[in-house]
Amino acid sequence: MRRTLTVALAALVPGALLGWLVYEALGGSGNGGSGAAGAAATGAVGSPSDGTPDDKAGTLSASASATTAPLKGKVVVIDPGHNVANAQHTAEINRKVDIGTNLKECDTTGTSTNAGYSEAKFTLDVAHRLRTLLQEQGATVKLTQDGDRPFGPCVDERARIGNAAHADAVVSIHADGSAQGNRGFHVILPGLVHEGAADTRAIVAPSKELGQLIADDFAHSTGSSPSNYIGDGTGLDTRKDLGGLNLSTVPKVFIECGNMRDTKDAALLTSGAWRQEAALGISEGIAGFLRR
């Protein structure tokens, strides 16, 4: 009988010990079921019983947020060049404003294709497409004008809007008005200016980085080539005579998306599908800059 009991106990003890170990591993009764079993039952991801957020859960949440909204917390200002109503306000837009190095007209009417499609309409359309693409990535986007002003704004005010927004990046959208046969895009970078109200010393380097990224992505997205008449084939041009750049205190560039006076470029600029690709290229360049 004793031998029989000894054998039975020998068989039961390891099983009981194994069961206790499994029970403890699953959370036991002393932690309110907040271990793996509790997590599985409630759908929680490893939250400690004292309510302290789990490091892994936070990492997962941050990673998911970064994936779905990689530009969250970033501010981008889009500056659609000119204004469709500028031509009706010639006195106002011809008023001179201080751009740091000298005085210059408040704004201009911009150019147009030979068929009459205006630069101002083009820039606003691309700006709307670009805004949507950036907002989808979580960025806060502001426009210097949205077709809601009688004219302008003036070039100095355009700069102030980006500065006041503490923008992480500002892009001014344009299309050129050069001669037939002159084709392609170019990105205008701020030159080194420290004169009067202008001081670009802090923004020259980051603006160049922003401009290079936009040029690369714009070419890839649209299939367009860098300008054959400005920038020596680099797609980049540095200028010191633009108030929108001279007066900026945040990284800023202009992009001339093509030449409206060239028939081949005009065919692209007047295509909604191409304008979407243009907006995509600009957005990818901006996103690359903001994620660096």
Protein backbone atom coordinates (compact mmCIF):
# COMPACT_ATOMS: atom_id res chain seq x y z
CA MET A 1 0.00 0.00 0.00
CA ARG A 2 2.79 2.41 0.98
CA ARG A 3 4.63 1.55 -2.19
CA THR A 4 1.51 2.26 -4.17
CA LEU A 5 1.05 5.71 -2.48
CA THR A 6 4.69 6.61 -2.97
CA VAL A 7 4.47 5.88 -6.67
CA ALA A 8 1.24 7.85 -6.99
CA LEU A 9 2.69 10.88 -5.20
CA ALA A 10 5.82 10.74 -7.29
CA ALA A 11 3.65 10.92 -10.36
CA LEU A 12 1.44 13.74 -9.07
CA VAL A 13 4.06 16.18 -7.72
CA PRO A 14 5.78 17.01 -11.05
CA GLY A 15 2.37 17.50 -12.65
CA ALA A 16 1.24 19.84 -9.88
CA LEU A 17 4.51 21.75 -10.00
CA LEU A 18 4.19 22.12 -13.77
CA GLY A 19 0.62 23.35 -13.41
CA TRP A 20 1.65 25.95 -10.80
CA LEU A 21 4.44 27.24 -13.05
CA VAL A 22 2.05 27.58 -15.99
CA TYR A 23 -0.49 29.35 -13.76
CA GLU A 24 2.10 31.87 -12.57
CA ALA A 25 3.34 32.46 -16.10
CA LEU A 26 -0.20 33.30 -17.19
CA GLY A 27 -0.58 35.93 -14.50
CA GLY A 28 -1.89 34.04 -11.44
CA SER A 29 -4.54 35.51 -9.20
CA GLY A 30 -2.46 38.23 -7.60
CA ASN A 31 -2.19 40.65 -10.55
CA GLY A 32 -5.80 40.95 -11.60
CA GLY A 33 -5.34 38.95 -14.78
CA SER A 34 -3.23 41.66 -16.41
CA GLY A 35 -0.61 39.27 -17.73
CA ALA A 36 -0.60 37.61 -21.14
CA ALA A 37 -3.86 35.79 -20.49
CA GLY A 38 -5.57 38.97 -19.31
CA ALA A 39 -4.25 40.85 -22.30
CA ALA A 40 -5.57 38.21 -24.64
CA ALA A 41 -8.94 38.31 -22.96
CA THR A 42 -9.30 42.10 -22.96
CA GLY A 43 -7.47 42.97 -26.18
CA ALA A 44 -4.92 45.06 -24.20
CA VAL A 45 -1.27 45.07 -25.22
CA GLY A 46 0.80 44.29 -22.14
CA SER A 47 -0.29 47.12 -19.79
CA PRO A 48 1.25 46.75 -16.32
CA SER A 49 -1.16 46.40 -13.41
CA ASP A 50 -0.13 49.76 -11.91
CA GLY A 51 -1.47 51.66 -14.93
CA THR A 52 1.98 52.70 -16.21
CA PRO A 53 1.99 52.67 -20.04
CA ASP A 54 3.92 49.74 -21.44
CA ASP A 55 7.04 50.79 -23.36
CA LYS A 56 6.38 48.36 -26.18
CA ALA A 57 2.79 49.48 -26.53
CA GLY A 58 3.93 53.11 -26.74
CA THR A 59 6.51 52.19 -29.36
CA LEU A 60 3.92 50.39 -31.42
CA SER A 61 1.52 53.32 -31.18
CA ALA A 62 4.21 55.84 -32.14
CA SER A 63 5.32 53.66 -35.01
CA ALA A 64 1.77 53.35 -36.32
CA SER A 65 1.29 57.10 -36.00
CA ALA A 66 4.53 57.79 -37.86
CA THR A 67 3.42 55.49 -40.63
CA THR A 68 -0.06 56.95 -41.05
CA ALA A 69 0.87 60.60 -40.44
CA PRO A 70 4.63 61.00 -40.98
CA LEU A 71 4.39 64.80 -41.22
CA LYS A 72 2.28 65.31 -38.10
CA GLY A 73 3.49 68.41 -36.24
CA LYS A 74 5.09 69.93 -39.36
CA VAL A 75 3.90 73.23 -40.84
CA VAL A 76 4.10 73.89 -44.56
CA VAL A 77 3.19 77.16 -46.24
CA ILE A 78 2.29 77.04 -49.93
CA ASP A 79 2.54 80.29 -51.84
CA PRO A 80 0.51 80.22 -55.09
CA GLY A 81 2.24 82.81 -57.26
CA HIS A 82 0.29 85.93 -58.32
CA ASN A 83 -3.49 86.28 -58.15
CA VAL A 84 -6.11 85.84 -60.86
CA ALA A 85 -7.51 89.33 -60.10
CA ASN A 86 -4.20 91.23 -60.09
CA ALA A 87 -4.88 92.63 -63.57
CA GLN A 88 -7.90 94.50 -62.19
CA HIS A 89 -5.77 96.15 -59.49
CA THR A 90 -2.79 97.54 -61.35
CA ALA A 91 -2.35 100.55 -59.06
CA GLU A 92 -2.21 98.35 -55.98
CA ILE A 93 0.17 95.74 -57.36
CA ASN A 94 2.48 98.36 -58.87
CA ARG A 95 3.03 99.91 -55.43
CA LYS A 96 6.66 99.51 -54.36
CA VAL A 97 7.58 97.52 -51.27
CA ASP A 98 10.90 97.04 -49.48
CA ILE A 99 12.57 93.68 -50.27
CA GLY A 100 15.69 94.41 -48.27
CA THR A 101 18.07 95.10 -51.13
CA ASN A 102 15.82 97.64 -52.87
CA LEU A 103 12.21 98.51 -53.63
CA LYS A 104 10.14 96.33 -55.94
CA GLU A 105 6.55 96.06 -57.16
CA CYS A 106 4.07 94.60 -54.70
CA ASP A 107 3.19 91.83 -57.18
CA THR A 108 2.68 91.21 -60.90
CA THR A 109 -0.04 89.68 -63.02
CA GLY A 110 2.14 86.72 -63.93
CA THR A 111 2.23 85.14 -67.37
CA SER A 112 -0.07 82.83 -69.35
CA THR A 113 -0.07 80.33 -72.17
CA ASN A 114 -0.62 81.60 -75.70
CA ALA A 115 -4.18 80.31 -75.39
CA GLY A 116 -4.80 82.41 -72.28
CA TYR A 117 -4.46 79.92 -69.41
CA SER A 118 -3.02 82.12 -66.66
CA GLU A 119 -0.12 81.40 -64.40
CA ALA A 120 -2.27 82.44 -61.43
CA LYS A 121 -4.87 79.74 -62.24
CA PHE A 122 -2.12 77.18 -62.67
CA THR A 123 -0.41 77.99 -59.38
CA LEU A 124 -3.63 77.90 -57.37
CA ASP A 125 -4.65 74.56 -58.88
CA VAL A 126 -1.28 72.97 -58.08
CA ALA A 127 -1.39 74.51 -54.60
CA HIS A 128 -4.74 72.85 -53.88
CA ARG A 129 -3.47 69.48 -55.06
CA LEU A 130 -0.28 69.88 -53.03
CA ARG A 131 -2.21 70.88 -49.91
CA THR A 132 -4.29 67.71 -50.11
CA LEU A 133 -1.24 65.48 -50.51
CA LEU A 134 0.55 67.04 -47.54
CA GLN A 135 -2.52 67.03 -45.30
CA GLU A 136 -2.98 63.34 -46.01
CA GLN A 137 0.45 62.84 -44.44
CA GLY A 138 -0.52 64.80 -41.33
CA ALA A 139 1.06 68.18 -42.10
CA THR A 140 -0.54 71.48 -41.18
CA VAL A 141 -0.78 73.42 -44.44
CA LYS A 142 -1.41 77.14 -44.95
CA LEU A 143 -1.77 79.08 -48.21
CA THR A 144 -0.65 82.68 -48.64
CA GLN A 145 -3.79 83.22 -50.75
CA ASP A 146 -6.62 80.98 -51.84
CA GLY A 147 -8.33 83.07 -54.50
CA ASP A 148 -10.03 84.90 -51.66
CA ARG A 149 -8.28 88.27 -51.98
CA PRO A 150 -8.91 91.11 -54.43
CA PHE A 151 -5.19 91.15 -55.32
CA GLY A 152 -1.79 90.05 -54.06
CA PRO A 153 -0.67 89.61 -51.38
CA CYS A 154 2.45 91.69 -51.92
CA VAL A 155 5.75 89.85 -51.97
CA ASP A 156 6.79 91.14 -48.55
CA GLU A 157 3.51 89.97 -47.01
CA ARG A 158 3.93 86.56 -48.63
CA ALA A 159 7.24 86.23 -46.79
CA ARG A 160 5.73 87.41 -43.51
CA ILE A 161 2.97 84.78 -43.72
CA GLY A 162 5.53 81.98 -43.79
CA ASN A 163 7.56 83.60 -41.02
CA ALA A 164 4.52 84.12 -38.78
CA ALA A 165 3.50 80.49 -39.24
CA HIS A 166 6.99 79.36 -38.14
CA ALA A 167 6.84 77.14 -41.18
CA ASP A 168 9.17 74.18 -41.47
CA ALA A 169 9.14 74.74 -45.23
CA VAL A 170 7.66 77.24 -47.68
CA VAL A 171 7.28 76.66 -51.41
CA SER A 172 6.21 79.35 -53.87
CA ILE A 173 4.66 77.87 -57.01
CA HIS A 174 5.14 79.54 -60.39
CA ALA A 175 5.37 78.91 -64.14
CA ASP A 176 7.74 80.86 -66.36
CA GLY A 177 7.04 83.07 -69.37
CA SER A 178 10.13 82.64 -71.54
CA ALA A 179 10.59 82.18 -75.29
CA GLN A 180 9.39 79.28 -77.46
CA GLY A 181 11.91 76.45 -77.30
CA ASN A 182 12.90 77.21 -73.73
CA ARG A 183 11.66 74.23 -71.76
CA GLY A 184 11.81 72.54 -68.39
CA PHE A 185 11.53 73.41 -64.72
CA HIS A 186 13.86 75.09 -62.29
CA VAL A 187 13.89 75.71 -58.55
CA ILE A 188 14.96 79.13 -57.30
CA LEU A 189 17.05 79.24 -54.13
CA PRO A 190 17.70 82.26 -51.88
CA GLY A 191 21.09 83.87 -52.26
CA LEU A 192 23.12 85.12 -49.32
CA VAL A 193 21.65 88.53 -48.47
CA HIS A 194 22.31 90.59 -45.34
CA GLU A 195 21.11 94.05 -46.12
CA GLY A 196 18.33 96.30 -44.84
CA ALA A 197 15.33 94.20 -43.83
CA ALA A 198 16.77 91.09 -45.48
CA ASP A 199 18.92 88.47 -43.76
CA THR A 200 18.98 85.05 -45.40
CA ARG A 201 22.10 83.73 -43.67
CA ALA A 202 20.20 81.20 -41.57
CA ILE A 203 18.08 79.83 -44.40
CA VAL A 204 20.47 79.53 -47.35
CA ALA A 205 21.73 76.03 -46.49
CA PRO A 206 18.39 74.39 -45.54
CA SER A 207 16.66 76.08 -48.48
CA LYS A 208 19.23 74.61 -50.84
CA GLU A 209 18.59 71.16 -49.39
CA LEU A 210 14.83 71.65 -49.77
CA GLY A 211 15.26 72.87 -53.34
CA GLN A 212 17.47 69.98 -54.39
CA LEU A 213 15.02 67.41 -53.02
CA ILE A 214 12.09 69.08 -54.77
CA ALA A 215 14.02 69.27 -58.06
CA ASP A 216 14.90 65.57 -57.89
CA ASP A 217 11.40 64.41 -57.00
CA PHE A 218 9.70 66.77 -59.43
CA ALA A 219 11.79 65.41 -62.30
CA HIS A 220 11.07 61.83 -61.25
CA SER A 221 7.33 62.36 -60.81
CA THR A 222 6.62 64.42 -63.93
CA GLY A 223 9.28 63.12 -66.29
CA SER A 224 10.21 66.75 -67.01
CA SER A 225 13.81 67.78 -67.50
CA PRO A 226 15.61 70.62 -65.74
CA SER A 227 15.47 73.92 -67.58
CA ASN A 228 17.48 74.15 -70.78
CA TYR A 229 17.85 77.93 -70.38
CA ILE A 230 18.38 78.58 -66.64
CA GLY A 231 20.56 76.77 -64.14
CA ASP A 232 23.09 75.14 -66.49
CA GLY A 233 21.13 71.89 -66.53
CA THR A 234 21.02 71.54 -62.73
CA GLY A 235 17.41 72.66 -62.33
CA LEU A 236 18.61 75.09 -59.64
CA ASP A 237 19.01 78.86 -59.78
CA THR A 238 20.11 81.21 -57.00
CA ARG A 239 18.72 84.74 -56.83
CA LYS A 240 18.96 87.78 -54.56
CA ASP A 241 16.26 89.95 -56.15
CA LEU A 242 13.10 88.22 -54.93
CA GLY A 243 11.40 89.71 -51.90
CA GLY A 244 9.65 86.44 -51.08
CA LEU A 245 13.06 84.84 -50.52
CA ASN A 246 15.03 87.81 -49.20
CA LEU A 247 12.58 88.48 -46.39
CA SER A 248 12.00 84.86 -45.38
CA THR A 249 13.32 83.65 -42.04
CA VAL A 250 12.31 80.04 -42.69
CA PRO A 251 13.48 77.60 -45.41
CA LYS A 252 11.88 78.65 -48.67
CA VAL A 253 12.21 78.08 -52.42
CA PHE A 254 10.36 78.96 -55.62
CA ILE A 255 9.63 76.42 -58.33
CA GLU A 256 9.04 77.41 -61.95
CA CYS A 257 7.22 74.30 -63.12
CA GLY A 258 7.69 74.94 -66.83
CA ASN A 259 7.53 77.59 -69.55
CA MET A 260 3.97 78.61 -70.37
CA ARG A 261 5.07 80.25 -73.63
CA ASP A 262 6.52 77.06 -75.07
CA THR A 263 3.84 74.96 -76.79
CA LYS A 264 5.18 71.62 -75.54
CA ASP A 265 5.50 72.80 -71.95
CA ALA A 266 2.11 74.52 -72.18
CA ALA A 267 0.51 71.20 -73.14
CA LEU A 268 1.80 69.77 -69.89
CA LEU A 269 0.92 72.72 -67.70
CA THR A 270 -2.68 72.73 -68.95
CA SER A 271 -3.13 69.01 -68.24
CA GLY A 272 -4.86 68.17 -64.97
CA ALA A 273 -3.14 64.77 -64.85
CA TRP A 274 0.27 66.39 -65.25
CA ARG A 275 -0.50 69.00 -62.59
CA GLN A 276 -1.29 66.16 -60.20
CA GLU A 277 2.11 64.63 -60.94
CA ALA A 278 3.70 68.04 -60.42
CA ALA A 279 2.02 68.37 -57.02
CA LEU A 280 3.11 64.84 -56.13
CA GLY A 281 6.73 65.57 -57.00
CA ILE A 282 6.75 68.77 -54.94
CA SER A 283 5.07 67.02 -52.00
CA GLU A 284 7.62 64.21 -52.03
CA GLY A 285 10.46 66.70 -52.02
CA ILE A 286 8.95 68.58 -49.09
CA ALA A 287 8.25 65.35 -47.19
CA GLY A 288 11.82 64.17 -47.72
CA PHE A 289 13.11 67.47 -46.36
CA LEU A 290 10.84 67.39 -43.31
CA ARG A 291 11.72 63.77 -42.47
CA ARG A 292 15.48 64.31 -42.62
